[in-house]
Amino acid sequence: MLACVSVPFAVLAEPRRQQILELLRQRPRLVGELTDELGLSQPGVSKHLRVLREAGLVGVRHDAQRRWYELRLEPLRELDTWLHPYRVLWNRALDDLEEHLDTMPEG
């Protein structure tokens, strides 16, 4: 499973790809819309979309001459599942810290 999650992590490390996913989280979009929103060239946006598609994070739907790009949730669910045990550890550590701070005298 580690290999399964390492690809999305590597892909998501790029800030522009994060921005694209955030825009696609809101709704499917055309390349032109992404280009306008991000202030990037069409080839630049297309390059990022290709990487996101290859990682399985983005899908494309053809509608006549237009291509709608949309977020694919399954890889993100897999990441969330993989991260769950670590989230539990963090929550436990934060609860312990809160308990410690609550027992400290004010001053």
C-alpha atoms as a PDB file:
ATOM      1  CA  MET A   1       0.000   0.000   0.000  1.00  0.00           C
ATOM      2  CA  LEU A   2       2.937   2.384   0.573  1.00  0.00           C
ATOM      3  CA  ALA A   3       3.724   2.449  -3.155  1.00  0.00           C
ATOM      4  CA  CYS A   4       0.058   3.172  -3.753  1.00  0.00           C
ATOM      5  CA  VAL A   5       0.163   6.338  -1.642  1.00  0.00           C
ATOM      6  CA  SER A   6       3.662   7.524  -2.538  1.00  0.00           C
ATOM      7  CA  VAL A   7       2.630   8.568  -6.061  1.00  0.00           C
ATOM      8  CA  PRO A   8      -0.151  10.933  -4.901  1.00  0.00           C
ATOM      9  CA  PHE A   9       2.147  12.371  -2.214  1.00  0.00           C
ATOM     10  CA  ALA A  10       4.825  13.130  -4.789  1.00  0.00           C
ATOM     11  CA  VAL A  11       2.290  14.622  -7.194  1.00  0.00           C
ATOM     12  CA  LEU A  12       0.649  16.721  -4.485  1.00  0.00           C
ATOM     13  CA  ALA A  13       3.969  18.187  -3.365  1.00  0.00           C
ATOM     14  CA  GLU A  14       3.761  20.664  -6.276  1.00  0.00           C
ATOM     15  CA  PRO A  15       1.811  23.810  -5.214  1.00  0.00           C
ATOM     16  CA  ARG A  16       0.197  24.435  -8.626  1.00  0.00           C
ATOM     17  CA  ARG A  17      -1.215  20.904  -8.624  1.00  0.00           C
ATOM     18  CA  GLN A  18      -2.635  21.541  -5.186  1.00  0.00           C
ATOM     19  CA  GLN A  19      -4.318  24.662  -6.557  1.00  0.00           C
ATOM     20  CA  ILE A  20      -5.742  22.710  -9.489  1.00  0.00           C
ATOM     21  CA  LEU A  21      -7.169  20.068  -7.155  1.00  0.00           C
ATOM     22  CA  GLU A  22      -8.675  22.775  -4.967  1.00  0.00           C
ATOM     23  CA  LEU A  23     -10.411  24.300  -7.997  1.00  0.00           C
ATOM     24  CA  LEU A  24     -11.616  20.874  -9.148  1.00  0.00           C
ATOM     25  CA  ARG A  25     -12.888  20.170  -5.644  1.00  0.00           C
ATOM     26  CA  GLN A  26     -15.394  22.952  -6.197  1.00  0.00           C
ATOM     27  CA  ARG A  27     -16.589  21.649  -9.583  1.00  0.00           C
ATOM     28  CA  PRO A  28     -15.376  20.164 -12.881  1.00  0.00           C
ATOM     29  CA  ARG A  29     -13.591  22.682 -15.093  1.00  0.00           C
ATOM     30  CA  LEU A  30     -12.272  23.205 -18.595  1.00  0.00           C
ATOM     31  CA  VAL A  31      -8.566  23.827 -19.208  1.00  0.00           C
ATOM     32  CA  GLY A  32      -9.340  27.436 -20.159  1.00  0.00           C
ATOM     33  CA  GLU A  33     -11.015  28.049 -16.806  1.00  0.00           C
ATOM     34  CA  LEU A  34      -8.030  26.610 -14.958  1.00  0.00           C
ATOM     35  CA  THR A  35      -5.680  28.718 -17.080  1.00  0.00           C
ATOM     36  CA  ASP A  36      -7.617  31.881 -16.216  1.00  0.00           C
ATOM     37  CA  GLU A  37      -7.871  31.054 -12.507  1.00  0.00           C
ATOM     38  CA  LEU A  38      -4.199  30.157 -12.104  1.00  0.00           C
ATOM     39  CA  GLY A  39      -2.658  32.707 -14.454  1.00  0.00           C
ATOM     40  CA  LEU A  40      -0.646  29.970 -16.173  1.00  0.00           C
ATOM     41  CA  SER A  41      -0.218  29.173 -19.836  1.00  0.00           C
ATOM     42  CA  GLN A  42      -2.444  26.507 -21.380  1.00  0.00           C
ATOM     43  CA  PRO A  43       0.551  24.190 -21.962  1.00  0.00           C
ATOM     44  CA  GLY A  44       1.571  24.635 -18.310  1.00  0.00           C
ATOM     45  CA  VAL A  45      -1.883  23.739 -17.020  1.00  0.00           C
ATOM     46  CA  SER A  46      -2.100  20.810 -19.436  1.00  0.00           C
ATOM     47  CA  LYS A  47       1.231  19.481 -18.170  1.00  0.00           C
ATOM     48  CA  HIS A  48       0.001  19.561 -14.568  1.00  0.00           C
ATOM     49  CA  LEU A  49      -3.295  17.939 -15.563  1.00  0.00           C
ATOM     50  CA  ARG A  50      -1.435  15.134 -17.332  1.00  0.00           C
ATOM     51  CA  VAL A  51       0.583  14.403 -14.180  1.00  0.00           C
ATOM     52  CA  LEU A  52      -2.593  14.484 -12.060  1.00  0.00           C
ATOM     53  CA  ARG A  53      -4.380  12.158 -14.518  1.00  0.00           C
ATOM     54  CA  GLU A  54      -1.470   9.711 -14.547  1.00  0.00           C
ATOM     55  CA  ALA A  55      -1.575   9.627 -10.739  1.00  0.00           C
ATOM     56  CA  GLY A  56      -5.310   8.901 -10.918  1.00  0.00           C
ATOM     57  CA  LEU A  57      -6.285  12.069  -9.048  1.00  0.00           C
ATOM     58  CA  VAL A  58      -8.056  13.704 -11.984  1.00  0.00           C
ATOM     59  CA  GLY A  59     -10.360  12.305 -14.625  1.00  0.00           C
ATOM     60  CA  VAL A  60     -11.419  13.783 -17.942  1.00  0.00           C
ATOM     61  CA  ARG A  61     -14.897  13.702 -19.459  1.00  0.00           C
ATOM     62  CA  HIS A  62     -15.382  14.499 -23.133  1.00  0.00           C
ATOM     63  CA  ASP A  63     -18.379  16.619 -24.113  1.00  0.00           C
ATOM     64  CA  ALA A  64     -18.321  17.206 -27.876  1.00  0.00           C
ATOM     65  CA  GLN A  65     -15.162  19.281 -28.437  1.00  0.00           C
ATOM     66  CA  ARG A  66     -14.679  20.135 -24.762  1.00  0.00           C
ATOM     67  CA  ARG A  67     -12.809  18.222 -22.077  1.00  0.00           C
ATOM     68  CA  TRP A  68     -14.031  18.578 -18.541  1.00  0.00           C
ATOM     69  CA  TYR A  69     -11.513  17.799 -15.815  1.00  0.00           C
ATOM     70  CA  GLU A  70     -12.833  16.524 -12.513  1.00  0.00           C
ATOM     71  CA  LEU A  71     -11.478  15.324  -9.209  1.00  0.00           C
ATOM     72  CA  ARG A  72     -11.344  11.560  -8.614  1.00  0.00           C
ATOM     73  CA  LEU A  73     -11.995  10.780  -4.968  1.00  0.00           C
ATOM     74  CA  GLU A  74     -10.861   7.158  -4.760  1.00  0.00           C
ATOM     75  CA  PRO A  75      -7.084   7.879  -4.578  1.00  0.00           C
ATOM     76  CA  LEU A  76      -7.765  10.505  -1.917  1.00  0.00           C
ATOM     77  CA  ARG A  77      -9.795   7.969   0.080  1.00  0.00           C
ATOM     78  CA  GLU A  78      -6.837   5.580  -0.126  1.00  0.00           C
ATOM     79  CA  LEU A  79      -4.545   8.322   1.184  1.00  0.00           C
ATOM     80  CA  ASP A  80      -6.971   9.089   3.986  1.00  0.00           C
ATOM     81  CA  THR A  81      -7.144   5.414   4.948  1.00  0.00           C
ATOM     82  CA  TRP A  82      -3.365   5.171   4.981  1.00  0.00           C
ATOM     83  CA  LEU A  83      -3.057   8.340   7.102  1.00  0.00           C
ATOM     84  CA  HIS A  84      -5.716   7.301   9.648  1.00  0.00           C
ATOM     85  CA  PRO A  85      -3.365   5.494  12.098  1.00  0.00           C
ATOM     86  CA  TYR A  86      -1.033   8.496  12.091  1.00  0.00           C
ATOM     87  CA  ARG A  87      -3.949  10.843  12.707  1.00  0.00           C
ATOM     88  CA  VAL A  88      -4.906   8.704  15.723  1.00  0.00           C
ATOM     89  CA  LEU A  89      -1.354   9.052  17.093  1.00  0.00           C
ATOM     90  CA  TRP A  90      -1.417  12.832  16.618  1.00  0.00           C
ATOM     91  CA  ASN A  91      -4.808  13.135  18.288  1.00  0.00           C
ATOM     92  CA  ARG A  92      -3.579  11.074  21.245  1.00  0.00           C
ATOM     93  CA  ALA A  93      -0.447  13.233  21.558  1.00  0.00           C
ATOM     94  CA  LEU A  94      -2.499  16.439  21.381  1.00  0.00           C
ATOM     95  CA  ASP A  95      -4.926  15.102  24.008  1.00  0.00           C
ATOM     96  CA  ASP A  96      -1.967  14.313  26.296  1.00  0.00           C
ATOM     97  CA  LEU A  97      -0.591  17.817  25.767  1.00  0.00           C
ATOM     98  CA  GLU A  98      -3.967  19.378  26.539  1.00  0.00           C
ATOM     99  CA  GLU A  99      -4.263  17.315  29.713  1.00  0.00           C
ATOM    100  CA  HIS A 100      -0.745  18.364  30.778  1.00  0.00           C
ATOM    101  CA  LEU A 101      -1.480  22.054  30.123  1.00  0.00           C
ATOM    102  CA  ASP A 102      -4.730  21.816  32.071  1.00  0.00           C
ATOM    103  CA  THR A 103      -2.845  20.551  35.141  1.00  0.00           C
ATOM    104  CA  MET A 104      -0.229  23.319  35.072  1.00  0.00           C
ATOM    105  CA  PRO A 105      -0.675  26.146  37.550  1.00  0.00           C
ATOM    106  CA  GLU A 106      -1.577  29.479  36.020  1.00  0.00           C
ATOM    107  CA  GLY A 107       0.938  32.152  36.447  1.00  0.00           C
END
